[in-house]
C-alpha atoms as a PDB file:
ATOM      1  CA  MET A   1       0.000   0.000   0.000  1.00  0.00           C
ATOM      2  CA  ASP A   2       2.916   2.318   0.689  1.00  0.00           C
ATOM      3  CA  LEU A   3       4.293   1.803  -2.816  1.00  0.00           C
ATOM      4  CA  LEU A   4       0.915   2.679  -4.316  1.00  0.00           C
ATOM      5  CA  LYS A   5       0.773   5.933  -2.320  1.00  0.00           C
ATOM      6  CA  GLN A   6       4.298   6.840  -3.438  1.00  0.00           C
ATOM      7  CA  MET A   7       3.381   6.197  -7.058  1.00  0.00           C
ATOM      8  CA  ALA A   8       0.240   8.339  -6.744  1.00  0.00           C
ATOM      9  CA  ASP A   9       2.221  11.176  -5.158  1.00  0.00           C
ATOM     10  CA  ALA A  10       4.818  10.952  -7.922  1.00  0.00           C
ATOM     11  CA  PHE A  11       2.054  11.081 -10.536  1.00  0.00           C
ATOM     12  CA  VAL A  12       0.556  14.220  -8.975  1.00  0.00           C
ATOM     13  CA  LEU A  13       3.990  15.828  -8.832  1.00  0.00           C
ATOM     14  CA  LEU A  14       4.508  14.958 -12.500  1.00  0.00           C
ATOM     15  CA  ILE A  15       1.182  16.598 -13.416  1.00  0.00           C
ATOM     16  CA  ARG A  16       2.048  19.748 -11.471  1.00  0.00           C
ATOM     17  CA  VAL A  17       5.556  20.100 -12.884  1.00  0.00           C
ATOM     18  CA  GLY A  18       4.410  19.264 -16.408  1.00  0.00           C
ATOM     19  CA  ALA A  19       1.623  21.843 -16.291  1.00  0.00           C
ATOM     20  CA  VAL A  20       3.998  24.551 -15.073  1.00  0.00           C
ATOM     21  CA  PHE A  21       6.596  23.749 -17.744  1.00  0.00           C
ATOM     22  CA  ARG A  22       3.930  23.690 -20.464  1.00  0.00           C
ATOM     23  CA  TRP A  23       2.531  27.040 -19.303  1.00  0.00           C
ATOM     24  CA  VAL A  24       5.982  28.648 -19.238  1.00  0.00           C
ATOM     25  CA  TYR A  25       6.753  27.216 -22.682  1.00  0.00           C
ATOM     26  CA  CYS A  26       3.540  28.704 -24.066  1.00  0.00           C
ATOM     27  CA  LEU A  27       4.355  32.100 -22.551  1.00  0.00           C
ATOM     28  CA  ILE A  28       7.838  32.058 -24.061  1.00  0.00           C
ATOM     29  CA  ARG A  29       6.484  31.092 -27.481  1.00  0.00           C
ATOM     30  CA  MET A  30       3.855  33.854 -27.289  1.00  0.00           C
ATOM     31  CA  GLY A  31       6.631  36.387 -26.789  1.00  0.00           C
ATOM     32  CA  MET A  32       8.684  35.013 -29.671  1.00  0.00           C
ATOM     33  CA  SER A  33       6.050  34.888 -32.383  1.00  0.00           C
ATOM     34  CA  GLU A  34       3.343  37.502 -32.877  1.00  0.00           C
ATOM     35  CA  GLU A  35       1.553  35.458 -35.562  1.00  0.00           C
ATOM     36  CA  GLU A  36       1.146  32.405 -33.324  1.00  0.00           C
ATOM     37  CA  ALA A  37       0.443  34.328 -30.103  1.00  0.00           C
ATOM     38  CA  GLY A  38      -3.281  33.558 -30.200  1.00  0.00           C
ATOM     39  CA  MET A  39      -2.671  29.850 -30.569  1.00  0.00           C
ATOM     40  CA  TYR A  40      -0.218  29.729 -27.675  1.00  0.00           C
ATOM     41  CA  LYS A  41      -2.485  31.876 -25.519  1.00  0.00           C
ATOM     42  CA  LYS A  42      -5.249  29.326 -26.007  1.00  0.00           C
ATOM     43  CA  ARG A  43      -2.855  26.477 -25.251  1.00  0.00           C
ATOM     44  CA  ALA A  44      -1.708  28.210 -22.055  1.00  0.00           C
ATOM     45  CA  LYS A  45      -5.337  28.678 -21.018  1.00  0.00           C
ATOM     46  CA  ASN A  46      -6.090  25.016 -21.737  1.00  0.00           C
ATOM     47  CA  THR A  47      -3.075  24.011 -19.640  1.00  0.00           C
ATOM     48  CA  ILE A  48      -4.417  25.985 -16.687  1.00  0.00           C
ATOM     49  CA  VAL A  49      -7.864  24.435 -17.125  1.00  0.00           C
ATOM     50  CA  PHE A  50      -6.305  20.952 -17.228  1.00  0.00           C
ATOM     51  CA  TYR A  51      -4.338  21.663 -14.057  1.00  0.00           C
ATOM     52  CA  VAL A  52      -7.398  22.914 -12.165  1.00  0.00           C
ATOM     53  CA  ILE A  53      -9.463  19.895 -13.212  1.00  0.00           C
ATOM     54  CA  ALA A  54      -6.650  17.486 -12.285  1.00  0.00           C
ATOM     55  CA  GLU A  55      -6.267  19.087  -8.842  1.00  0.00           C
ATOM     56  CA  CYS A  56     -10.025  18.988  -8.263  1.00  0.00           C
ATOM     57  CA  ILE A  57     -10.181  15.320  -9.133  1.00  0.00           C
ATOM     58  CA  TRP A  58      -7.240  14.594  -6.842  1.00  0.00           C
ATOM     59  CA  GLN A  59      -8.825  16.494  -3.932  1.00  0.00           C
ATOM     60  CA  ILE A  60     -12.179  14.760  -4.403  1.00  0.00           C
ATOM     61  CA  LYS A  61     -10.403  11.397  -4.345  1.00  0.00           C
ATOM     62  CA  GLU A  62      -8.608  12.350  -1.120  1.00  0.00           C
ATOM     63  CA  MET A  63     -11.878  13.472   0.505  1.00  0.00           C
ATOM     64  CA  VAL A  64     -13.651  10.245  -0.430  1.00  0.00           C
ATOM     65  CA  LEU A  65     -10.797   8.080   0.820  1.00  0.00           C
ATOM     66  CA  GLY A  66     -10.553  10.131   4.013  1.00  0.00           C
ATOM     67  CA  TYR A  67     -14.270   9.765   4.625  1.00  0.00           C
ATOM     68  CA  TYR A  68     -14.443   6.017   4.088  1.00  0.00           C
ATOM     69  CA  LEU A  69     -11.099   5.010   5.585  1.00  0.00           C
END
């Protein structure tokens, strides 16, 4: 059970770090190219939406497990 918790924590950390790196990448690309700025702005927004949804799902899972265990 401990290994499973470590794997889940590593997965959440990977999601957080990946979302931050993706967001920073999109911001850098927006500054480099004026023609593609709209596309990268939308991608950065979608990255933030993905991160919020992933965190919400993770917190709901923790609440359910805390309630029943």
